[in-house]
């Protein structure tokens, strides 16, 4: 049975940002961070690029320990930044908005040889 992946929250993105910032500031490779944290280098890359699952508490603690950050203070800062980000209106680009079902159907119908027939057929 497939498991639905968790959506990256603002808090998760802030954790990713901390890891990316420390990586860049210290000029570390993914393998360097893997040695420091015990997190596999591919997973470090996934966290930085925000793919394949959100950071776990264990990973967050390992990141804090490796970079000499106090986990409680860091989490407080993340929560404050996340709350500020979530309360700030974000500019949206309609180009990046997900397509609606009607838009998907319209695109599919425009490419289909049977588009006229499909357009006249009632939906179930």
PDB file of N, CA and C in Angstrom:
ATOM      1  N   UNK A   1       0.840  -1.171   0.000  1.00  0.00           N
ATOM      2  CA  UNK A   1       0.000   0.000   0.000  1.00  0.00           C
ATOM      3  C   UNK A   1       0.886   1.236   0.000  1.00  0.00           C
ATOM      4  N   UNK A   2       0.594   2.150  -0.900  1.00  0.00           N
ATOM      5  CA  UNK A   2       1.375   3.374  -0.996  1.00  0.00           C
ATOM      6  C   UNK A   2       1.034   4.310   0.160  1.00  0.00           C
ATOM      7  N   UNK A   3       2.048   4.985   0.633  1.00  0.00           N
ATOM      8  CA  UNK A   3       1.868   5.947   1.710  1.00  0.00           C
ATOM      9  C   UNK A   3       2.001   7.337   1.112  1.00  0.00           C
ATOM     10  N   UNK A   4       1.077   8.219   1.448  1.00  0.00           N
ATOM     11  CA  UNK A   4       1.129   9.589   0.933  1.00  0.00           C
ATOM     12  C   UNK A   4       2.257  10.341   1.637  1.00  0.00           C
ATOM     13  N   UNK A   5       3.096  10.979   0.850  1.00  0.00           N
ATOM     14  CA  UNK A   5       4.211  11.742   1.408  1.00  0.00           C
ATOM     15  C   UNK A   5       3.697  12.966   2.155  1.00  0.00           C
ATOM     16  N   UNK A   6       4.408  13.319   3.230  1.00  0.00           N
ATOM     17  CA  UNK A   6       4.033  14.515   3.978  1.00  0.00           C
ATOM     18  C   UNK A   6       4.369  15.755   3.173  1.00  0.00           C
ATOM     19  N   UNK A   7       3.553  16.753   3.318  1.00  0.00           N
ATOM     20  CA  UNK A   7       3.794  18.042   2.678  1.00  0.00           C
ATOM     21  C   UNK A   7       4.812  18.813   3.503  1.00  0.00           C
ATOM     22  N   UNK A   8       5.718  19.488   2.819  1.00  0.00           N
ATOM     23  CA  UNK A   8       6.736  20.273   3.511  1.00  0.00           C
ATOM     24  C   UNK A   8       6.089  21.518   4.112  1.00  0.00           C
ATOM     25  N   UNK A   9       6.117  21.599   5.433  1.00  0.00           N
ATOM     26  CA  UNK A   9       5.575  22.757   6.132  1.00  0.00           C
ATOM     27  C   UNK A   9       6.631  23.853   6.175  1.00  0.00           C
ATOM     28  N   UNK A  10       6.238  25.011   6.643  1.00  0.00           N
ATOM     29  CA  UNK A  10       7.182  26.113   6.792  1.00  0.00           C
ATOM     30  C   UNK A  10       8.288  25.735   7.772  1.00  0.00           C
ATOM     31  N   UNK A  11       7.943  25.016   8.825  1.00  0.00           N
ATOM     32  CA  UNK A  11       8.951  24.572   9.802  1.00  0.00           C
ATOM     33  C   UNK A  11       9.956  23.641   9.131  1.00  0.00           C
ATOM     34  N   UNK A  12       9.473  22.689   8.338  1.00  0.00           N
ATOM     35  CA  UNK A  12      10.364  21.768   7.628  1.00  0.00           C
ATOM     36  C   UNK A  12      11.298  22.533   6.692  1.00  0.00           C
ATOM     37  N   UNK A  13      10.750  23.531   6.004  1.00  0.00           N
ATOM     38  CA  UNK A  13      11.551  24.335   5.086  1.00  0.00           C
ATOM     39  C   UNK A  13      12.616  25.136   5.830  1.00  0.00           C
ATOM     40  N   UNK A  14      12.288  25.605   7.032  1.00  0.00           N
ATOM     41  CA  UNK A  14      13.265  26.332   7.844  1.00  0.00           C
ATOM     42  C   UNK A  14      14.419  25.409   8.257  1.00  0.00           C
ATOM     43  N   UNK A  15      14.105  24.167   8.603  1.00  0.00           N
ATOM     44  CA  UNK A  15      15.150  23.195   8.954  1.00  0.00           C
ATOM     45  C   UNK A  15      16.046  22.965   7.738  1.00  0.00           C
ATOM     46  N   UNK A  16      15.443  22.816   6.577  1.00  0.00           N
ATOM     47  CA  UNK A  16      16.205  22.667   5.334  1.00  0.00           C
ATOM     48  C   UNK A  16      17.109  23.880   5.122  1.00  0.00           C
ATOM     49  N   UNK A  17      16.564  25.064   5.389  1.00  0.00           N
ATOM     50  CA  UNK A  17      17.334  26.289   5.227  1.00  0.00           C
ATOM     51  C   UNK A  17      18.544  26.361   6.144  1.00  0.00           C
ATOM     52  N   UNK A  18      18.367  25.908   7.380  1.00  0.00           N
ATOM     53  CA  UNK A  18      19.492  25.884   8.331  1.00  0.00           C
ATOM     54  C   UNK A  18      20.598  24.987   7.788  1.00  0.00           C
ATOM     55  N   UNK A  19      20.214  23.808   7.334  1.00  0.00           N
ATOM     56  CA  UNK A  19      21.196  22.854   6.816  1.00  0.00           C
ATOM     57  C   UNK A  19      21.908  23.429   5.588  1.00  0.00           C
ATOM     58  N   UNK A  20      21.151  24.029   4.687  1.00  0.00           N
ATOM     59  CA  UNK A  20      21.745  24.615   3.481  1.00  0.00           C
ATOM     60  C   UNK A  20      22.683  25.771   3.826  1.00  0.00           C
ATOM     61  N   UNK A  21      22.268  26.609   4.770  1.00  0.00           N
ATOM     62  CA  UNK A  21      23.083  27.753   5.186  1.00  0.00           C
ATOM     63  C   UNK A  21      24.404  27.284   5.798  1.00  0.00           C
ATOM     64  N   UNK A  22      24.324  26.306   6.684  1.00  0.00           N
ATOM     65  CA  UNK A  22      25.540  25.791   7.330  1.00  0.00           C
ATOM     66  C   UNK A  22      26.452  25.118   6.300  1.00  0.00           C
ATOM     67  N   UNK A  23      25.860  24.407   5.364  1.00  0.00           N
ATOM     68  CA  UNK A  23      26.646  23.741   4.311  1.00  0.00           C
ATOM     69  C   UNK A  23      27.419  24.778   3.508  1.00  0.00           C
ATOM     70  N   UNK A  24      26.705  25.828   3.078  1.00  0.00           N
ATOM     71  CA  UNK A  24      27.346  26.862   2.262  1.00  0.00           C
ATOM     72  C   UNK A  24      28.372  27.661   3.051  1.00  0.00           C
ATOM     73  N   UNK A  25      28.018  28.039   4.283  1.00  0.00           N
ATOM     74  CA  UNK A  25      28.917  28.861   5.104  1.00  0.00           C
ATOM     75  C   UNK A  25      30.225  28.142   5.403  1.00  0.00           C
ATOM     76  N   UNK A  26      30.130  26.845   5.613  1.00  0.00           N
ATOM     77  CA  UNK A  26      31.326  26.067   5.966  1.00  0.00           C
ATOM     78  C   UNK A  26      31.958  25.366   4.771  1.00  0.00           C
ATOM     79  N   UNK A  27      31.349  25.557   3.588  1.00  0.00           N
ATOM     80  CA  UNK A  27      31.853  24.946   2.348  1.00  0.00           C
ATOM     81  C   UNK A  27      31.996  23.433   2.503  1.00  0.00           C
ATOM     82  N   UNK A  28      30.921  22.810   2.976  1.00  0.00           N
ATOM     83  CA  UNK A  28      30.913  21.373   3.210  1.00  0.00           C
ATOM     84  C   UNK A  28      30.226  20.646   2.054  1.00  0.00           C
ATOM     85  N   UNK A  29      30.627  19.424   1.836  1.00  0.00           N
ATOM     86  CA  UNK A  29      29.947  18.575   0.864  1.00  0.00           C
ATOM     87  C   UNK A  29      28.856  17.787   1.588  1.00  0.00           C
ATOM     88  N   UNK A  30      28.002  17.128   0.815  1.00  0.00           N
ATOM     89  CA  UNK A  30      26.971  16.285   1.424  1.00  0.00           C
ATOM     90  C   UNK A  30      27.630  15.163   2.234  1.00  0.00           C
ATOM     91  N   UNK A  31      28.725  14.636   1.723  1.00  0.00           N
ATOM     92  CA  UNK A  31      29.428  13.556   2.439  1.00  0.00           C
ATOM     93  C   UNK A  31      30.060  14.064   3.738  1.00  0.00           C
ATOM     94  N   UNK A  32      30.554  15.298   3.730  1.00  0.00           N
ATOM     95  CA  UNK A  32      31.095  15.890   4.964  1.00  0.00           C
ATOM     96  C   UNK A  32      29.996  15.968   6.027  1.00  0.00           C
ATOM     97  N   UNK A  33      28.825  16.457   5.610  1.00  0.00           N
ATOM     98  CA  UNK A  33      27.708  16.573   6.554  1.00  0.00           C
ATOM     99  C   UNK A  33      27.250  15.204   7.008  1.00  0.00           C
ATOM    100  N   UNK A  34      27.270  14.231   6.109  1.00  0.00           N
ATOM    101  CA  UNK A  34      26.887  12.859   6.470  1.00  0.00           C
ATOM    102  C   UNK A  34      27.793  12.327   7.577  1.00  0.00           C
ATOM    103  N   UNK A  35      29.079  12.583   7.461  1.00  0.00           N
ATOM    104  CA  UNK A  35      30.019  12.131   8.498  1.00  0.00           C
ATOM    105  C   UNK A  35      29.756  12.827   9.832  1.00  0.00           C
ATOM    106  N   UNK A  36      29.395  14.105   9.767  1.00  0.00           N
ATOM    107  CA  UNK A  36      29.162  14.887  10.983  1.00  0.00           C
ATOM    108  C   UNK A  36      27.857  14.509  11.686  1.00  0.00           C
ATOM    109  N   UNK A  37      26.836  14.169  10.891  1.00  0.00           N
ATOM    110  CA  UNK A  37      25.497  13.967  11.448  1.00  0.00           C
ATOM    111  C   UNK A  37      25.073  12.512  11.577  1.00  0.00           C
ATOM    112  N   UNK A  38      25.689  11.641  10.780  1.00  0.00           N
ATOM    113  CA  UNK A  38      25.240  10.250  10.744  1.00  0.00           C
ATOM    114  C   UNK A  38      24.055  10.057   9.796  1.00  0.00           C
ATOM    115  N   UNK A  39      23.665  11.115   9.087  1.00  0.00           N
ATOM    116  CA  UNK A  39      22.594  11.046   8.098  1.00  0.00           C
ATOM    117  C   UNK A  39      23.251  10.746   6.743  1.00  0.00           C
ATOM    118  N   UNK A  40      22.722   9.807   6.000  1.00  0.00           N
ATOM    119  CA  UNK A  40      23.317   9.451   4.712  1.00  0.00           C
ATOM    120  C   UNK A  40      23.386  10.669   3.790  1.00  0.00           C
ATOM    121  N   UNK A  41      24.447  10.710   2.965  1.00  0.00           N
ATOM    122  CA  UNK A  41      24.666  11.899   2.130  1.00  0.00           C
ATOM    123  C   UNK A  41      23.518  12.170   1.158  1.00  0.00           C
ATOM    124  N   UNK A  42      22.875  11.147   0.643  1.00  0.00           N
ATOM    125  CA  UNK A  42      21.740  11.354  -0.262  1.00  0.00           C
ATOM    126  C   UNK A  42      20.553  11.961   0.493  1.00  0.00           C
ATOM    127  N   UNK A  43      20.386  11.554   1.751  1.00  0.00           N
ATOM    128  CA  UNK A  43      19.311  12.110   2.567  1.00  0.00           C
ATOM    129  C   UNK A  43      19.589  13.579   2.892  1.00  0.00           C
ATOM    130  N   UNK A  44      20.858  13.908   3.131  1.00  0.00           N
ATOM    131  CA  UNK A  44      21.243  15.301   3.359  1.00  0.00           C
ATOM    132  C   UNK A  44      20.844  16.133   2.136  1.00  0.00           C
ATOM    133  N   UNK A  45      21.146  15.622   0.958  1.00  0.00           N
ATOM    134  CA  UNK A  45      20.771  16.295  -0.281  1.00  0.00           C
ATOM    135  C   UNK A  45      19.251  16.444  -0.393  1.00  0.00           C
ATOM    136  N   UNK A  46      18.530  15.380  -0.059  1.00  0.00           N
ATOM    137  CA  UNK A  46      17.066  15.422  -0.107  1.00  0.00           C
ATOM    138  C   UNK A  46      16.504  16.510   0.818  1.00  0.00           C
ATOM    139  N   UNK A  47      17.058  16.614   2.013  1.00  0.00           N
ATOM    140  CA  UNK A  47      16.575  17.622   2.967  1.00  0.00           C
ATOM    141  C   UNK A  47      16.852  19.025   2.422  1.00  0.00           C
ATOM    142  N   UNK A  48      18.043  19.231   1.908  1.00  0.00           N
ATOM    143  CA  UNK A  48      18.402  20.552   1.390  1.00  0.00           C
ATOM    144  C   UNK A  48      17.524  20.921   0.197  1.00  0.00           C
ATOM    145  N   UNK A  49      17.218  19.949  -0.644  1.00  0.00           N
ATOM    146  CA  UNK A  49      16.410  20.216  -1.843  1.00  0.00           C
ATOM    147  C   UNK A  49      14.912  20.009  -1.602  1.00  0.00           C
ATOM    148  N   UNK A  50      14.548  19.677  -0.362  1.00  0.00           N
ATOM    149  CA  UNK A  50      13.154  19.498   0.052  1.00  0.00           C
ATOM    150  C   UNK A  50      12.411  18.474  -0.808  1.00  0.00           C
ATOM    151  N   UNK A  51      13.000  17.289  -0.910  1.00  0.00           N
ATOM    152  CA  UNK A  51      12.357  16.185  -1.628  1.00  0.00           C
ATOM    153  C   UNK A  51      12.398  14.927  -0.774  1.00  0.00           C
ATOM    154  N   UNK A  52      11.556  13.968  -1.125  1.00  0.00           N
ATOM    155  CA  UNK A  52      11.542  12.635  -0.505  1.00  0.00           C
ATOM    156  C   UNK A  52      11.354  12.643   1.004  1.00  0.00           C
ATOM    157  N   UNK A  53      10.408  13.367   1.474  1.00  0.00           N
ATOM    158  CA  UNK A  53      10.082  13.318   2.894  1.00  0.00           C
ATOM    159  C   UNK A  53      10.686  14.441   3.702  1.00  0.00           C
ATOM    160  N   UNK A  54       9.956  14.840   4.699  1.00  0.00           N
ATOM    161  CA  UNK A  54      10.366  15.950   5.550  1.00  0.00           C
ATOM    162  C   UNK A  54      11.384  15.487   6.586  1.00  0.00           C
ATOM    163  N   UNK A  55      12.149  16.416   7.167  1.00  0.00           N
ATOM    164  CA  UNK A  55      13.132  16.035   8.180  1.00  0.00           C
ATOM    165  C   UNK A  55      12.457  15.457   9.426  1.00  0.00           C
ATOM    166  N   UNK A  56      13.068  14.441   9.986  1.00  0.00           N
ATOM    167  CA  UNK A  56      12.549  13.848  11.220  1.00  0.00           C
ATOM    168  C   UNK A  56      13.142  14.584  12.413  1.00  0.00           C
ATOM    169  N   UNK A  57      12.602  14.323  13.587  1.00  0.00           N
ATOM    170  CA  UNK A  57      13.132  14.924  14.816  1.00  0.00           C
ATOM    171  C   UNK A  57      14.572  14.458  15.033  1.00  0.00           C
ATOM    172  N   UNK A  58      14.843  13.189  14.780  1.00  0.00           N
ATOM    173  CA  UNK A  58      16.198  12.655  14.950  1.00  0.00           C
ATOM    174  C   UNK A  58      17.171  13.372  14.015  1.00  0.00           C
ATOM    175  N   UNK A  59      16.745  13.604  12.769  1.00  0.00           N
ATOM    176  CA  UNK A  59      17.612  14.326  11.827  1.00  0.00           C
ATOM    177  C   UNK A  59      17.821  15.766  12.274  1.00  0.00           C
ATOM    178  N   UNK A  60      16.768  16.408  12.749  1.00  0.00           N
ATOM    179  CA  UNK A  60      16.891  17.780  13.256  1.00  0.00           C
ATOM    180  C   UNK A  60      17.900  17.834  14.403  1.00  0.00           C
ATOM    181  N   UNK A  61      17.780  16.909  15.341  1.00  0.00           N
ATOM    182  CA  UNK A  61      18.708  16.881  16.480  1.00  0.00           C
ATOM    183  C   UNK A  61      20.140  16.616  16.029  1.00  0.00           C
ATOM    184  N   UNK A  62      20.328  15.740  15.058  1.00  0.00           N
ATOM    185  CA  UNK A  62      21.670  15.444  14.541  1.00  0.00           C
ATOM    186  C   UNK A  62      22.273  16.681  13.868  1.00  0.00           C
ATOM    187  N   UNK A  63      21.449  17.417  13.129  1.00  0.00           N
ATOM    188  CA  UNK A  63      21.909  18.643  12.467  1.00  0.00           C
ATOM    189  C   UNK A  63      22.328  19.669  13.519  1.00  0.00           C
ATOM    190  N   UNK A  64      21.506  19.845  14.537  1.00  0.00           N
ATOM    191  CA  UNK A  64      21.825  20.796  15.610  1.00  0.00           C
ATOM    192  C   UNK A  64      23.124  20.413  16.313  1.00  0.00           C
ATOM    193  N   UNK A  65      23.257  19.149  16.647  1.00  0.00           N
ATOM    194  CA  UNK A  65      24.463  18.694  17.341  1.00  0.00           C
ATOM    195  C   UNK A  65      25.701  18.894  16.477  1.00  0.00           C
ATOM    196  N   UNK A  66      25.620  18.549  15.203  1.00  0.00           N
ATOM    197  CA  UNK A  66      26.776  18.659  14.306  1.00  0.00           C
ATOM    198  C   UNK A  66      27.253  20.096  14.148  1.00  0.00           C
ATOM    199  N   UNK A  67      26.328  21.039  14.168  1.00  0.00           N
ATOM    200  CA  UNK A  67      26.690  22.436  13.943  1.00  0.00           C
ATOM    201  C   UNK A  67      26.719  23.259  15.230  1.00  0.00           C
ATOM    202  N   UNK A  68      26.643  22.581  16.376  1.00  0.00           N
ATOM    203  CA  UNK A  68      26.747  23.272  17.658  1.00  0.00           C
ATOM    204  C   UNK A  68      25.578  24.188  17.959  1.00  0.00           C
ATOM    205  N   UNK A  69      24.391  23.816  17.496  1.00  0.00           N
ATOM    206  CA  UNK A  69      23.196  24.620  17.740  1.00  0.00           C
ATOM    207  C   UNK A  69      22.397  24.026  18.888  1.00  0.00           C
ATOM    208  N   UNK A  70      21.852  24.877  19.737  1.00  0.00           N
ATOM    209  CA  UNK A  70      20.982  24.417  20.810  1.00  0.00           C
ATOM    210  C   UNK A  70      19.631  24.057  20.183  1.00  0.00           C
ATOM    211  N   UNK A  71      19.218  22.784  20.258  1.00  0.00           N
ATOM    212  CA  UNK A  71      17.976  22.370  19.595  1.00  0.00           C
ATOM    213  C   UNK A  71      16.740  23.154  20.048  1.00  0.00           C
ATOM    214  N   UNK A  72      16.616  23.408  21.355  1.00  0.00           N
ATOM    215  CA  UNK A  72      15.439  24.120  21.858  1.00  0.00           C
ATOM    216  C   UNK A  72      15.411  25.561  21.348  1.00  0.00           C
ATOM    217  N   UNK A  73      16.534  26.246  21.440  1.00  0.00           N
ATOM    218  CA  UNK A  73      16.605  27.633  20.969  1.00  0.00           C
ATOM    219  C   UNK A  73      16.411  27.704  19.460  1.00  0.00           C
ATOM    220  N   UNK A  74      16.994  26.754  18.741  1.00  0.00           N
ATOM    221  CA  UNK A  74      16.857  26.720  17.281  1.00  0.00           C
ATOM    222  C   UNK A  74      15.406  26.490  16.895  1.00  0.00           C
ATOM    223  N   UNK A  75      14.736  25.570  17.580  1.00  0.00           N
ATOM    224  CA  UNK A  75      13.333  25.297  17.288  1.00  0.00           C
ATOM    225  C   UNK A  75      12.463  26.523  17.574  1.00  0.00           C
ATOM    226  N   UNK A  76      12.756  27.234  18.663  1.00  0.00           N
ATOM    227  CA  UNK A  76      12.007  28.460  18.949  1.00  0.00           C
ATOM    228  C   UNK A  76      12.169  29.479  17.821  1.00  0.00           C
ATOM    229  N   UNK A  77      13.413  29.643  17.356  1.00  0.00           N
ATOM    230  CA  UNK A  77      13.672  30.576  16.257  1.00  0.00           C
ATOM    231  C   UNK A  77      12.937  30.144  14.985  1.00  0.00           C
ATOM    232  N   UNK A  78      12.942  28.852  14.711  1.00  0.00           N
ATOM    233  CA  UNK A  78      12.253  28.324  13.530  1.00  0.00           C
ATOM    234  C   UNK A  78      10.764  28.607  13.622  1.00  0.00           C
ATOM    235  N   UNK A  79      10.187  28.376  14.780  1.00  0.00           N
ATOM    236  CA  UNK A  79       8.744  28.591  14.963  1.00  0.00           C
ATOM    237  C   UNK A  79       8.396  30.064  14.763  1.00  0.00           C
ATOM    238  N   UNK A  80       9.226  30.958  15.295  1.00  0.00           N
ATOM    239  CA  UNK A  80       8.979  32.398  15.129  1.00  0.00           C
ATOM    240  C   UNK A  80       9.077  32.778  13.653  1.00  0.00           C
ATOM    241  N   UNK A  81      10.125  32.313  12.975  1.00  0.00           N
ATOM    242  CA  UNK A  81      10.286  32.631  11.548  1.00  0.00           C
ATOM    243  C   UNK A  81       9.158  32.030  10.719  1.00  0.00           C
ATOM    244  N   UNK A  82       8.775  30.806  11.053  1.00  0.00           N
ATOM    245  CA  UNK A  82       7.689  30.145  10.313  1.00  0.00           C
ATOM    246  C   UNK A  82       6.380  30.896  10.491  1.00  0.00           C
ATOM    247  N   UNK A  83       6.101  31.330  11.710  1.00  0.00           N
ATOM    248  CA  UNK A  83       4.868  32.077  11.965  1.00  0.00           C
ATOM    249  C   UNK A  83       4.876  33.393  11.204  1.00  0.00           C
ATOM    250  N   UNK A  84       6.021  34.044  11.155  1.00  0.00           N
ATOM    251  CA  UNK A  84       6.146  35.298  10.420  1.00  0.00           C
ATOM    252  C   UNK A  84       5.932  35.060   8.931  1.00  0.00           C
ATOM    253  N   UNK A  85       6.531  34.009   8.413  1.00  0.00           N
ATOM    254  CA  UNK A  85       6.397  33.676   6.989  1.00  0.00           C
ATOM    255  C   UNK A  85       4.962  33.333   6.640  1.00  0.00           C
ATOM    256  N   UNK A  86       4.298  32.559   7.482  1.00  0.00           N
ATOM    257  CA  UNK A  86       2.927  32.136   7.212  1.00  0.00           C
ATOM    258  C   UNK A  86       1.942  33.296   7.287  1.00  0.00           C
ATOM    259  N   UNK A  87       2.269  34.322   8.073  1.00  0.00           N
ATOM    260  CA  UNK A  87       1.375  35.470   8.212  1.00  0.00           C
ATOM    261  C   UNK A  87       1.658  36.572   7.206  1.00  0.00           C
ATOM    262  N   UNK A  88       2.720  36.404   6.407  1.00  0.00           N
ATOM    263  CA  UNK A  88       3.074  37.379   5.396  1.00  0.00           C
ATOM    264  C   UNK A  88       2.423  36.973   4.084  1.00  0.00           C
ATOM    265  N   UNK A  89       1.677  37.883   3.455  1.00  0.00           N
ATOM    266  CA  UNK A  89       1.072  37.527   2.166  1.00  0.00           C
ATOM    267  C   UNK A  89       2.155  37.201   1.148  1.00  0.00           C
ATOM    268  N   UNK A  90       1.994  36.098   0.484  1.00  0.00           N
ATOM    269  CA  UNK A  90       2.956  35.664  -0.518  1.00  0.00           C
ATOM    270  C   UNK A  90       2.441  36.032  -1.907  1.00  0.00           C
ATOM    271  N   UNK A  91       3.374  36.471  -2.765  1.00  0.00           N
ATOM    272  CA  UNK A  91       2.990  36.722  -4.147  1.00  0.00           C
ATOM    273  C   UNK A  91       2.775  35.379  -4.812  1.00  0.00           C
ATOM    274  N   UNK A  92       1.718  35.284  -5.572  1.00  0.00           N
ATOM    275  CA  UNK A  92       1.452  34.040  -6.270  1.00  0.00           C
ATOM    276  C   UNK A  92       1.608  34.254  -7.753  1.00  0.00           C
ATOM    277  N   UNK A  93       2.078  33.242  -8.404  1.00  0.00           N
ATOM    278  CA  UNK A  93       2.240  33.258  -9.841  1.00  0.00           C
ATOM    279  C   UNK A  93       1.269  32.242 -10.409  1.00  0.00           C
ATOM    280  N   UNK A  94       0.294  32.703 -11.169  1.00  0.00           N
ATOM    281  CA  UNK A  94      -0.709  31.800 -11.712  1.00  0.00           C
ATOM    282  C   UNK A  94      -0.085  30.709 -12.572  1.00  0.00           C
ATOM    283  N   UNK A  95       1.105  30.974 -13.116  1.00  0.00           N
ATOM    284  CA  UNK A  95       1.775  29.969 -13.932  1.00  0.00           C
ATOM    285  C   UNK A  95       2.126  28.735 -13.102  1.00  0.00           C
ATOM    286  N   UNK A  96       2.418  28.902 -11.806  1.00  0.00           N
ATOM    287  CA  UNK A  96       2.831  27.801 -10.951  1.00  0.00           C
ATOM    288  C   UNK A  96       1.670  27.145 -10.215  1.00  0.00           C
ATOM    289  N   UNK A  97       0.479  27.703 -10.325  1.00  0.00           N
ATOM    290  CA  UNK A  97      -0.672  27.142  -9.624  1.00  0.00           C
ATOM    291  C   UNK A  97      -1.051  25.806 -10.252  1.00  0.00           C
ATOM    292  N   UNK A  98      -1.461  24.832  -9.433  1.00  0.00           N
ATOM    293  CA  UNK A  98      -1.855  23.549  -9.993  1.00  0.00           C
ATOM    294  C   UNK A  98      -3.090  23.708 -10.880  1.00  0.00           C
ATOM    295  N   UNK A  99      -3.163  22.874 -11.888  1.00  0.00           N
ATOM    296  CA  UNK A  99      -4.298  22.931 -12.802  1.00  0.00           C
ATOM    297  C   UNK A  99      -5.541  22.360 -12.146  1.00  0.00           C
ATOM    298  N   UNK A 100      -6.678  22.937 -12.487  1.00  0.00           N
ATOM    299  CA  UNK A 100      -7.942  22.406 -12.009  1.00  0.00           C
ATOM    300  C   UNK A 100      -8.325  21.210 -12.875  1.00  0.00           C
ATOM    301  N   UNK A 101      -9.287  20.437 -12.414  1.00  0.00           N
ATOM    302  CA  UNK A 101      -9.747  19.279 -13.180  1.00  0.00           C
ATOM    303  C   UNK A 101     -10.252  19.711 -14.548  1.00  0.00           C
ATOM    304  N   UNK A 102     -11.009  20.795 -14.609  1.00  0.00           N
ATOM    305  CA  UNK A 102     -11.521  21.282 -15.893  1.00  0.00           C
ATOM    306  C   UNK A 102     -10.388  21.672 -16.837  1.00  0.00           C
ATOM    307  N   UNK A 103      -9.342  22.310 -16.303  1.00  0.00           N
ATOM    308  CA  UNK A 103      -8.212  22.699 -17.155  1.00  0.00           C
ATOM    309  C   UNK A 103      -7.481  21.472 -17.691  1.00  0.00           C
ATOM    310  N   UNK A 104      -7.329  20.458 -16.853  1.00  0.00           N
ATOM    311  CA  UNK A 104      -6.682  19.219 -17.287  1.00  0.00           C
ATOM    312  C   UNK A 104      -7.501  18.557 -18.391  1.00  0.00           C
ATOM    313  N   UNK A 105      -8.818  18.494 -18.173  1.00  0.00           N
ATOM    314  CA  UNK A 105      -9.693  17.879 -19.175  1.00  0.00           C
ATOM    315  C   UNK A 105      -9.639  18.657 -20.488  1.00  0.00           C
ATOM    316  N   UNK A 106      -9.590  19.973 -20.402  1.00  0.00           N
ATOM    317  CA  UNK A 106      -9.548  20.794 -21.605  1.00  0.00           C
ATOM    318  C   UNK A 106      -8.239  20.565 -22.361  1.00  0.00           C
ATOM    319  N   UNK A 107      -7.132  20.501 -21.655  1.00  0.00           N
ATOM    320  CA  UNK A 107      -5.850  20.244 -22.301  1.00  0.00           C
ATOM    321  C   UNK A 107      -5.846  18.876 -22.965  1.00  0.00           C
ATOM    322  N   UNK A 108      -6.331  17.864 -22.258  1.00  0.00           N
ATOM    323  CA  UNK A 108      -6.367  16.511 -22.807  1.00  0.00           C
ATOM    324  C   UNK A 108      -7.272  16.460 -24.033  1.00  0.00           C
ATOM    325  N   UNK A 109      -8.406  17.114 -23.962  1.00  0.00           N
ATOM    326  CA  UNK A 109      -9.347  17.095 -25.083  1.00  0.00           C
ATOM    327  C   UNK A 109      -8.768  17.801 -26.295  1.00  0.00           C
ATOM    328  N   UNK A 110      -7.995  18.849 -26.107  1.00  0.00           N
ATOM    329  CA  UNK A 110      -7.421  19.583 -27.233  1.00  0.00           C
ATOM    330  C   UNK A 110      -6.357  18.777 -27.973  1.00  0.00           C
ATOM    331  N   UNK A 111      -5.763  17.774 -27.328  1.00  0.00           N
ATOM    332  CA  UNK A 111      -4.729  16.961 -27.952  1.00  0.00           C
ATOM    333  C   UNK A 111      -5.276  15.638 -28.478  1.00  0.00           C
ATOM    334  N   UNK A 112      -6.482  15.347 -28.161  1.00  0.00           N
ATOM    335  CA  UNK A 112      -7.086  14.061 -28.516  1.00  0.00           C
ATOM    336  C   UNK A 112      -7.755  14.141 -29.879  1.00  0.00           C
ATOM    337  N   UNK A 113      -7.533  13.101 -30.706  1.00  0.00           N
ATOM    338  CA  UNK A 113      -8.165  13.054 -32.025  1.00  0.00           C
ATOM    339  C   UNK A 113      -9.689  13.032 -31.904  1.00  0.00           C
ATOM    340  N   UNK A 114     -10.207  12.498 -30.818  1.00  0.00           N
ATOM    341  CA  UNK A 114     -11.647  12.381 -30.613  1.00  0.00           C
ATOM    342  C   UNK A 114     -12.196  13.523 -29.760  1.00  0.00           C
ATOM    343  N   UNK A 115     -11.526  14.668 -29.778  1.00  0.00           N
ATOM    344  CA  UNK A 115     -11.900  15.764 -28.880  1.00  0.00           C
ATOM    345  C   UNK A 115     -13.334  16.237 -29.089  1.00  0.00           C
ATOM    346  N   UNK A 116     -13.792  16.275 -30.339  1.00  0.00           N
ATOM    347  CA  UNK A 116     -15.152  16.753 -30.586  1.00  0.00           C
ATOM    348  C   UNK A 116     -16.183  15.802 -29.978  1.00  0.00           C
ATOM    349  N   UNK A 117     -15.951  14.498 -30.144  1.00  0.00           N
ATOM    350  CA  UNK A 117     -16.852  13.500 -29.577  1.00  0.00           C
ATOM    351  C   UNK A 117     -16.846  13.587 -28.055  1.00  0.00           C
ATOM    352  N   UNK A 118     -15.637  13.705 -27.470  1.00  0.00           N
ATOM    353  CA  UNK A 118     -15.515  13.770 -26.016  1.00  0.00           C
ATOM    354  C   UNK A 118     -16.162  15.041 -25.469  1.00  0.00           C
ATOM    355  N   UNK A 119     -16.058  16.128 -26.201  1.00  0.00           N
ATOM    356  CA  UNK A 119     -16.641  17.391 -25.737  1.00  0.00           C
ATOM    357  C   UNK A 119     -18.155  17.304 -25.692  1.00  0.00           C
ATOM    358  N   UNK A 120     -18.742  16.506 -26.587  1.00  0.00           N
ATOM    359  CA  UNK A 120     -20.204  16.371 -26.643  1.00  0.00           C
ATOM    360  C   UNK A 120     -20.733  15.306 -25.697  1.00  0.00           C
ATOM    361  N   UNK A 121     -19.836  14.430 -25.202  1.00  0.00           N
ATOM    362  CA  UNK A 121     -20.267  13.337 -24.322  1.00  0.00           C
ATOM    363  C   UNK A 121     -20.425  13.866 -22.908  1.00  0.00           C
ATOM    364  N   UNK A 122     -21.594  13.607 -22.284  1.00  0.00           N
ATOM    365  CA  UNK A 122     -21.785  14.089 -20.902  1.00  0.00           C
ATOM    366  C   UNK A 122     -20.858  13.359 -19.935  1.00  0.00           C
ATOM    367  N   UNK A 123     -20.434  14.080 -18.900  1.00  0.00           N
ATOM    368  CA  UNK A 123     -19.589  13.474 -17.864  1.00  0.00           C
ATOM    369  C   UNK A 123     -20.431  12.620 -16.945  1.00  0.00           C
ATOM    370  N   UNK A 124     -19.805  11.595 -16.380  1.00  0.00           N
ATOM    371  CA  UNK A 124     -20.520  10.708 -15.435  1.00  0.00           C
ATOM    372  C   UNK A 124     -20.720  11.384 -14.124  1.00  0.00           C
TER     373      UNK A 124
END
